[in-house]
Each structure stands twice: as C-alpha cells, then as structure tokens.
Amino acid sequence: MVIRALPTADEWADLFKNTPTEVVNLDKRGHYDPEKSPAFHDWMHEND
C-alpha cells in the first residue's frame, strides 16, 4: 500500500508560479478574440 499526502496550498502555488497565464474573455456566444488571447488561440488549434 502506498499512502501519498496531497499537496499543500503552498506546494500548489510553487508548482504553478512559473506557468504563464492569460485572461480569456468570452462574449455572450462563448467566442473569444484570437488577437486579445493569442496563446489561448494557439493552444486551442495546436493539433489542427
């Protein structure tokens, strides 16, 4: 049996502190502006 502790809030913060973030605003129809959120757009279409 393996018992593993869940990460603490500080450990989660350390894990994601260097992860880039981008605010993506959606309109009433659930669409976003690719020019305002280019990294999100690239991520959404990376397998196209």
PDB file of N, CA and C in Angstrom:
ATOM      1  N   MET A   1       0.846  -1.160   0.000  1.00  0.00           N
ATOM      2  CA  MET A   1       0.000   0.000   0.000  1.00  0.00           C
ATOM      3  C   MET A   1       0.904   1.240   0.000  1.00  0.00           C
ATOM      4  N   VAL A   2       0.528   2.212  -0.811  1.00  0.00           N
ATOM      5  CA  VAL A   2       1.263   3.475  -0.877  1.00  0.00           C
ATOM      6  C   VAL A   2       0.329   4.589  -0.441  1.00  0.00           C
ATOM      7  N   ILE A   3       0.752   5.331   0.547  1.00  0.00           N
ATOM      8  CA  ILE A   3      -0.037   6.471   1.024  1.00  0.00           C
ATOM      9  C   ILE A   3       0.730   7.734   0.661  1.00  0.00           C
ATOM     10  N   ARG A   4       0.092   8.585  -0.088  1.00  0.00           N
ATOM     11  CA  ARG A   4       0.716   9.836  -0.510  1.00  0.00           C
ATOM     12  C   ARG A   4      -0.106  11.007   0.005  1.00  0.00           C
ATOM     13  N   ALA A   5       0.585  11.988   0.516  1.00  0.00           N
ATOM     14  CA  ALA A   5      -0.094  13.190   1.009  1.00  0.00           C
ATOM     15  C   ALA A   5      -0.469  14.081  -0.164  1.00  0.00           C
ATOM     16  N   LEU A   6      -1.588  14.746  -0.038  1.00  0.00           N
ATOM     17  CA  LEU A   6      -1.994  15.716  -1.054  1.00  0.00           C
ATOM     18  C   LEU A   6      -1.120  16.956  -0.924  1.00  0.00           C
ATOM     19  N   PRO A   7      -0.843  17.636  -2.031  1.00  0.00           N
ATOM     20  CA  PRO A   7      -0.026  18.856  -1.960  1.00  0.00           C
ATOM     21  C   PRO A   7      -0.719  19.930  -1.118  1.00  0.00           C
ATOM     22  N   THR A   8       0.077  20.688  -0.405  1.00  0.00           N
ATOM     23  CA  THR A   8      -0.464  21.817   0.357  1.00  0.00           C
ATOM     24  C   THR A   8      -0.729  22.980  -0.597  1.00  0.00           C
ATOM     25  N   ALA A   9      -1.406  23.991  -0.104  1.00  0.00           N
ATOM     26  CA  ALA A   9      -1.675  25.179  -0.927  1.00  0.00           C
ATOM     27  C   ALA A   9      -0.365  25.827  -1.373  1.00  0.00           C
ATOM     28  N   ASP A  10       0.617  25.870  -0.476  1.00  0.00           N
ATOM     29  CA  ASP A  10       1.920  26.451  -0.838  1.00  0.00           C
ATOM     30  C   ASP A  10       2.627  25.618  -1.900  1.00  0.00           C
ATOM     31  N   GLU A  11       2.525  24.296  -1.813  1.00  0.00           N
ATOM     32  CA  GLU A  11       3.143  23.430  -2.821  1.00  0.00           C
ATOM     33  C   GLU A  11       2.483  23.618  -4.183  1.00  0.00           C
ATOM     34  N   TRP A  12       1.149  23.772  -4.202  1.00  0.00           N
ATOM     35  CA  TRP A  12       0.449  24.036  -5.464  1.00  0.00           C
ATOM     36  C   TRP A  12       0.901  25.369  -6.045  1.00  0.00           C
ATOM     37  N   ALA A  13       1.013  26.382  -5.193  1.00  0.00           N
ATOM     38  CA  ALA A  13       1.440  27.709  -5.656  1.00  0.00           C
ATOM     39  C   ALA A  13       2.843  27.639  -6.247  1.00  0.00           C
ATOM     40  N   ASP A  14       3.746  26.905  -5.581  1.00  0.00           N
ATOM     41  CA  ASP A  14       5.110  26.754  -6.103  1.00  0.00           C
ATOM     42  C   ASP A  14       5.116  26.015  -7.431  1.00  0.00           C
ATOM     43  N   LEU A  15       4.248  25.027  -7.547  1.00  0.00           N
ATOM     44  CA  LEU A  15       4.186  24.232  -8.773  1.00  0.00           C
ATOM     45  C   LEU A  15       3.798  25.082  -9.979  1.00  0.00           C
ATOM     46  N   PHE A  16       2.882  26.018  -9.775  1.00  0.00           N
ATOM     47  CA  PHE A  16       2.352  26.800 -10.889  1.00  0.00           C
ATOM     48  C   PHE A  16       2.879  28.234 -10.968  1.00  0.00           C
ATOM     49  N   LYS A  17       3.831  28.608 -10.123  1.00  0.00           N
ATOM     50  CA  LYS A  17       4.270  30.004 -10.100  1.00  0.00           C
ATOM     51  C   LYS A  17       4.944  30.448 -11.389  1.00  0.00           C
ATOM     52  N   ASN A  18       5.545  29.544 -12.140  1.00  0.00           N
ATOM     53  CA  ASN A  18       6.207  29.913 -13.395  1.00  0.00           C
ATOM     54  C   ASN A  18       5.383  29.553 -14.626  1.00  0.00           C
ATOM     55  N   THR A  19       4.144  29.144 -14.411  1.00  0.00           N
ATOM     56  CA  THR A  19       3.263  28.802 -15.516  1.00  0.00           C
ATOM     57  C   THR A  19       2.641  30.085 -16.062  1.00  0.00           C
ATOM     58  N   PRO A  20       2.788  30.334 -17.357  1.00  0.00           N
ATOM     59  CA  PRO A  20       2.203  31.562 -17.905  1.00  0.00           C
ATOM     60  C   PRO A  20       0.674  31.522 -17.836  1.00  0.00           C
ATOM     61  N   THR A  21       0.096  32.665 -17.615  1.00  0.00           N
ATOM     62  CA  THR A  21      -1.362  32.761 -17.573  1.00  0.00           C
ATOM     63  C   THR A  21      -1.826  33.799 -18.584  1.00  0.00           C
ATOM     64  N   GLU A  22      -3.045  33.647 -19.014  1.00  0.00           N
ATOM     65  CA  GLU A  22      -3.624  34.587 -19.967  1.00  0.00           C
ATOM     66  C   GLU A  22      -5.113  34.682 -19.672  1.00  0.00           C
ATOM     67  N   VAL A  23      -5.626  35.884 -19.579  1.00  0.00           N
ATOM     68  CA  VAL A  23      -7.053  36.088 -19.354  1.00  0.00           C
ATOM     69  C   VAL A  23      -7.755  35.990 -20.699  1.00  0.00           C
ATOM     70  N   VAL A  24      -8.754  35.120 -20.764  1.00  0.00           N
ATOM     71  CA  VAL A  24      -9.519  34.934 -21.998  1.00  0.00           C
ATOM     72  C   VAL A  24     -10.958  35.354 -21.716  1.00  0.00           C
ATOM     73  N   ASN A  25     -11.384  36.410 -22.371  1.00  0.00           N
ATOM     74  CA  ASN A  25     -12.755  36.890 -22.214  1.00  0.00           C
ATOM     75  C   ASN A  25     -13.623  36.306 -23.313  1.00  0.00           C
ATOM     76  N   LEU A  26     -14.764  35.771 -22.907  1.00  0.00           N
ATOM     77  CA  LEU A  26     -15.722  35.203 -23.854  1.00  0.00           C
ATOM     78  C   LEU A  26     -16.890  36.163 -24.027  1.00  0.00           C
ATOM     79  N   ASP A  27     -17.411  36.226 -25.248  1.00  0.00           N
ATOM     80  CA  ASP A  27     -18.586  37.059 -25.483  1.00  0.00           C
ATOM     81  C   ASP A  27     -19.843  36.275 -25.105  1.00  0.00           C
ATOM     82  N   LYS A  28     -21.002  36.837 -25.360  1.00  0.00           N
ATOM     83  CA  LYS A  28     -22.267  36.196 -24.985  1.00  0.00           C
ATOM     84  C   LYS A  28     -22.484  34.854 -25.675  1.00  0.00           C
ATOM     85  N   ARG A  29     -21.834  34.658 -26.819  1.00  0.00           N
ATOM     86  CA  ARG A  29     -21.979  33.400 -27.559  1.00  0.00           C
ATOM     87  C   ARG A  29     -20.871  32.406 -27.228  1.00  0.00           C
ATOM     88  N   GLY A  30     -19.980  32.773 -26.302  1.00  0.00           N
ATOM     89  CA  GLY A  30     -18.901  31.875 -25.907  1.00  0.00           C
ATOM     90  C   GLY A  30     -17.689  31.939 -26.806  1.00  0.00           C
ATOM     91  N   HIS A  31     -17.583  32.988 -27.610  1.00  0.00           N
ATOM     92  CA  HIS A  31     -16.439  33.157 -28.504  1.00  0.00           C
ATOM     93  C   HIS A  31     -15.420  34.102 -27.883  1.00  0.00           C
ATOM     94  N   TYR A  32     -14.167  33.954 -28.282  1.00  0.00           N
ATOM     95  CA  TYR A  32     -13.087  34.812 -27.794  1.00  0.00           C
ATOM     96  C   TYR A  32     -12.429  35.504 -28.978  1.00  0.00           C
ATOM     97  N   ASP A  33     -11.671  36.550 -28.690  1.00  0.00           N
ATOM     98  CA  ASP A  33     -10.946  37.297 -29.720  1.00  0.00           C
ATOM     99  C   ASP A  33      -9.519  36.757 -29.787  1.00  0.00           C
ATOM    100  N   PRO A  34      -9.141  36.072 -30.888  1.00  0.00           N
ATOM    101  CA  PRO A  34      -7.797  35.497 -31.000  1.00  0.00           C
ATOM    102  C   PRO A  34      -6.680  36.532 -30.899  1.00  0.00           C
ATOM    103  N   GLU A  35      -6.956  37.776 -31.271  1.00  0.00           N
ATOM    104  CA  GLU A  35      -5.925  38.813 -31.186  1.00  0.00           C
ATOM    105  C   GLU A  35      -5.684  39.248 -29.742  1.00  0.00           C
ATOM    106  N   LYS A  36      -6.704  39.147 -28.898  1.00  0.00           N
ATOM    107  CA  LYS A  36      -6.552  39.512 -27.492  1.00  0.00           C
ATOM    108  C   LYS A  36      -6.044  38.347 -26.647  1.00  0.00           C
ATOM    109  N   SER A  37      -6.181  37.132 -27.143  1.00  0.00           N
ATOM    110  CA  SER A  37      -5.750  35.933 -26.414  1.00  0.00           C
ATOM    111  C   SER A  37      -4.978  35.007 -27.349  1.00  0.00           C
ATOM    112  N   PRO A  38      -3.815  35.445 -27.844  1.00  0.00           N
ATOM    113  CA  PRO A  38      -3.094  34.663 -28.851  1.00  0.00           C
ATOM    114  C   PRO A  38      -2.567  33.318 -28.349  1.00  0.00           C
ATOM    115  N   ALA A  39      -2.094  33.250 -27.111  1.00  0.00           N
ATOM    116  CA  ALA A  39      -1.574  31.974 -26.599  1.00  0.00           C
ATOM    117  C   ALA A  39      -2.702  30.955 -26.464  1.00  0.00           C
ATOM    118  N   PHE A  40      -3.860  31.399 -25.991  1.00  0.00           N
ATOM    119  CA  PHE A  40      -5.020  30.516 -25.883  1.00  0.00           C
ATOM    120  C   PHE A  40      -5.437  30.032 -27.267  1.00  0.00           C
ATOM    121  N   HIS A  41      -5.465  30.936 -28.226  1.00  0.00           N
ATOM    122  CA  HIS A  41      -5.844  30.577 -29.590  1.00  0.00           C
ATOM    123  C   HIS A  41      -4.884  29.530 -30.161  1.00  0.00           C
ATOM    124  N   ASP A  42      -3.585  29.750 -29.979  1.00  0.00           N
ATOM    125  CA  ASP A  42      -2.595  28.783 -30.471  1.00  0.00           C
ATOM    126  C   ASP A  42      -2.778  27.430 -29.799  1.00  0.00           C
ATOM    127  N   TRP A  43      -3.039  27.435 -28.490  1.00  0.00           N
ATOM    128  CA  TRP A  43      -3.237  26.187 -27.751  1.00  0.00           C
ATOM    129  C   TRP A  43      -4.482  25.452 -28.256  1.00  0.00           C
ATOM    130  N   MET A  44      -5.550  26.192 -28.522  1.00  0.00           N
ATOM    131  CA  MET A  44      -6.795  25.576 -28.996  1.00  0.00           C
ATOM    132  C   MET A  44      -6.628  24.965 -30.382  1.00  0.00           C
ATOM    133  N   HIS A  45      -5.686  25.460 -31.169  1.00  0.00           N
ATOM    134  CA  HIS A  45      -5.523  25.000 -32.548  1.00  0.00           C
ATOM    135  C   HIS A  45      -4.200  24.289 -32.797  1.00  0.00           C
ATOM    136  N   GLU A  46      -3.519  23.846 -31.742  1.00  0.00           N
ATOM    137  CA  GLU A  46      -2.200  23.235 -31.934  1.00  0.00           C
ATOM    138  C   GLU A  46      -2.253  21.890 -32.646  1.00  0.00           C
ATOM    139  N   ASN A  47      -3.377  21.220 -32.663  1.00  0.00           N
ATOM    140  CA  ASN A  47      -3.478  19.922 -33.342  1.00  0.00           C
ATOM    141  C   ASN A  47      -4.234  19.998 -34.663  1.00  0.00           C
ATOM    142  N   ASP A  48      -4.535  21.200 -35.114  1.00  0.00           N
ATOM    143  CA  ASP A  48      -5.262  21.352 -36.395  1.00  0.00           C
ATOM    144  C   ASP A  48      -4.344  21.105 -37.568  1.00  0.00           C
TER     145      ASP A  48
END
